[in-house]
C-alpha atoms as a PDB file:
ATOM      1  CA  UNK A   1      -0.259  -0.270   0.121  1.00  0.00           C
ATOM      2  CA  UNK A   2       1.279   3.332  -0.759  1.00  0.00           C
ATOM      3  CA  UNK A   3       0.826   6.220   1.356  1.00  0.00           C
ATOM      4  CA  UNK A   4       1.270   9.907   0.188  1.00  0.00           C
ATOM      5  CA  UNK A   5       1.719  13.152   1.286  1.00  0.00           C
ATOM      6  CA  UNK A   6      -1.395  14.298   0.634  1.00  0.00           C
ATOM      7  CA  UNK A   7      -2.678  11.435   3.256  1.00  0.00           C
ATOM      8  CA  UNK A   8      -0.113  12.126   6.234  1.00  0.00           C
ATOM      9  CA  UNK A   9      -1.426  15.757   5.174  1.00  0.00           C
ATOM     10  CA  UNK A  10      -4.807  14.606   6.491  1.00  0.00           C
ATOM     11  CA  UNK A  11      -3.529  12.510   9.233  1.00  0.00           C
ATOM     12  CA  UNK A  12      -1.058  15.466  10.837  1.00  0.00           C
ATOM     13  CA  UNK A  13      -4.670  18.316  10.337  1.00  0.00           C
ATOM     14  CA  UNK A  14      -6.737  15.557  12.343  1.00  0.00           C
ATOM     15  CA  UNK A  15      -4.101  14.536  15.008  1.00  0.00           C
ATOM     16  CA  UNK A  16      -1.338  16.504  15.499  1.00  0.00           C
ATOM     17  CA  UNK A  17       0.625  13.428  14.929  1.00  0.00           C
ATOM     18  CA  UNK A  18       3.801  14.229  12.998  1.00  0.00           C
ATOM     19  CA  UNK A  19       4.205  11.497   9.893  1.00  0.00           C
ATOM     20  CA  UNK A  20       7.776  10.418  11.518  1.00  0.00           C
ATOM     21  CA  UNK A  21       5.874   9.128  14.610  1.00  0.00           C
ATOM     22  CA  UNK A  22       3.186   7.626  12.106  1.00  0.00           C
ATOM     23  CA  UNK A  23       6.305   5.231  10.083  1.00  0.00           C
ATOM     24  CA  UNK A  24       7.481   4.769  13.155  1.00  0.00           C
ATOM     25  CA  UNK A  25       4.624   3.428  14.399  1.00  0.00           C
ATOM     26  CA  UNK A  26       3.810   1.429  11.105  1.00  0.00           C
ATOM     27  CA  UNK A  27       7.449  -0.210  11.615  1.00  0.00           C
ATOM     28  CA  UNK A  28       7.151  -1.207  15.066  1.00  0.00           C
ATOM     29  CA  UNK A  29       3.230  -2.648  13.968  1.00  0.00           C
ATOM     30  CA  UNK A  30       4.955  -4.856  10.863  1.00  0.00           C
ATOM     31  CA  UNK A  31       7.441  -6.123  13.808  1.00  0.00           C
ATOM     32  CA  UNK A  32       4.757  -7.243  15.793  1.00  0.00           C
ATOM     33  CA  UNK A  33       2.194 -10.100  15.494  1.00  0.00           C
ATOM     34  CA  UNK A  34      -1.350  -7.628  15.091  1.00  0.00           C
ATOM     35  CA  UNK A  35      -3.675 -11.481  15.957  1.00  0.00           C
ATOM     36  CA  UNK A  36      -2.242 -10.675  19.335  1.00  0.00           C
ATOM     37  CA  UNK A  37      -4.641  -8.942  21.523  1.00  0.00           C
ATOM     38  CA  UNK A  38      -1.795  -7.542  23.985  1.00  0.00           C
ATOM     39  CA  UNK A  39      -0.093  -6.308  21.287  1.00  0.00           C
ATOM     40  CA  UNK A  40      -2.986  -4.802  19.601  1.00  0.00           C
ATOM     41  CA  UNK A  41      -3.939  -3.438  23.293  1.00  0.00           C
ATOM     42  CA  UNK A  42      -0.289  -1.860  23.647  1.00  0.00           C
ATOM     43  CA  UNK A  43      -0.832  -0.476  20.610  1.00  0.00           C
ATOM     44  CA  UNK A  44      -4.210   1.151  20.800  1.00  0.00           C
ATOM     45  CA  UNK A  45      -3.249   2.502  24.212  1.00  0.00           C
ATOM     46  CA  UNK A  46       0.499   4.409  22.690  1.00  0.00           C
ATOM     47  CA  UNK A  47      -1.940   5.752  19.832  1.00  0.00           C
ATOM     48  CA  UNK A  48      -4.588   7.217  22.373  1.00  0.00           C
ATOM     49  CA  UNK A  49      -1.585   8.809  23.936  1.00  0.00           C
ATOM     50  CA  UNK A  50      -0.172  10.149  20.463  1.00  0.00           C
ATOM     51  CA  UNK A  51      -3.661  12.066  19.833  1.00  0.00           C
ATOM     52  CA  UNK A  52      -4.699  13.016  23.307  1.00  0.00           C
ATOM     53  CA  UNK A  53      -8.044  10.665  22.896  1.00  0.00           C
ATOM     54  CA  UNK A  54      -8.531   8.286  26.037  1.00  0.00           C
ATOM     55  CA  UNK A  55     -10.005   4.713  24.939  1.00  0.00           C
ATOM     56  CA  UNK A  56     -12.582   3.211  26.819  1.00  0.00           C
ATOM     57  CA  UNK A  57     -11.863  -0.303  27.743  1.00  0.00           C
ATOM     58  CA  UNK A  58     -15.389  -1.268  25.681  1.00  0.00           C
ATOM     59  CA  UNK A  59     -13.784   0.623  22.313  1.00  0.00           C
ATOM     60  CA  UNK A  60     -10.408  -0.896  22.679  1.00  0.00           C
ATOM     61  CA  UNK A  61     -12.444  -4.606  22.733  1.00  0.00           C
ATOM     62  CA  UNK A  62     -14.200  -3.338  19.920  1.00  0.00           C
ATOM     63  CA  UNK A  63     -11.124  -2.907  17.600  1.00  0.00           C
ATOM     64  CA  UNK A  64      -8.663  -5.347  19.108  1.00  0.00           C
ATOM     65  CA  UNK A  65     -12.320  -7.624  17.655  1.00  0.00           C
ATOM     66  CA  UNK A  66     -12.291  -5.796  13.934  1.00  0.00           C
ATOM     67  CA  UNK A  67      -8.750  -6.207  13.448  1.00  0.00           C
ATOM     68  CA  UNK A  68      -8.238 -10.032  14.636  1.00  0.00           C
ATOM     69  CA  UNK A  69     -11.590 -10.883  12.161  1.00  0.00           C
ATOM     70  CA  UNK A  70     -10.358  -9.191   9.762  1.00  0.00           C
ATOM     71  CA  UNK A  71     -13.114  -6.278   9.821  1.00  0.00           C
ATOM     72  CA  UNK A  72     -10.535  -3.250   8.857  1.00  0.00           C
ATOM     73  CA  UNK A  73     -11.542  -1.332   6.132  1.00  0.00           C
ATOM     74  CA  UNK A  74      -8.322  -2.110   3.574  1.00  0.00           C
ATOM     75  CA  UNK A  75      -8.663   1.778   1.680  1.00  0.00           C
ATOM     76  CA  UNK A  76      -7.785   3.713   4.531  1.00  0.00           C
ATOM     77  CA  UNK A  77      -6.786   7.163   3.114  1.00  0.00           C
ATOM     78  CA  UNK A  78     -11.237   6.775   2.702  1.00  0.00           C
ATOM     79  CA  UNK A  79     -10.949   6.985   6.266  1.00  0.00           C
ATOM     80  CA  UNK A  80      -9.641  10.603   6.691  1.00  0.00           C
END
C-alpha cells in the first residue's frame, strides 16, 4: 500500500501526529503479531497517547475484535 504526502497531511491536520511518528508506529506494527490481543491493546493505548484521546476498554475491545476478525477497511485513504 502506497501512502501519499496528502494522506499524511490529512492525518497530521486531524491528529497533530507527525509523519515520522506514524512511520515509526508502522514499523512497530510490521514487527509484531497483529492477531495478538496484548500487542493490539498496547498499540491502541500508544495511539491514544499520541493523539491525546482516551480509549475506553469497550472501544479497545471493539478495535481488537475488528482487527482479529479482519473487519478493518483496506482503503485507509477513505477513512481520513
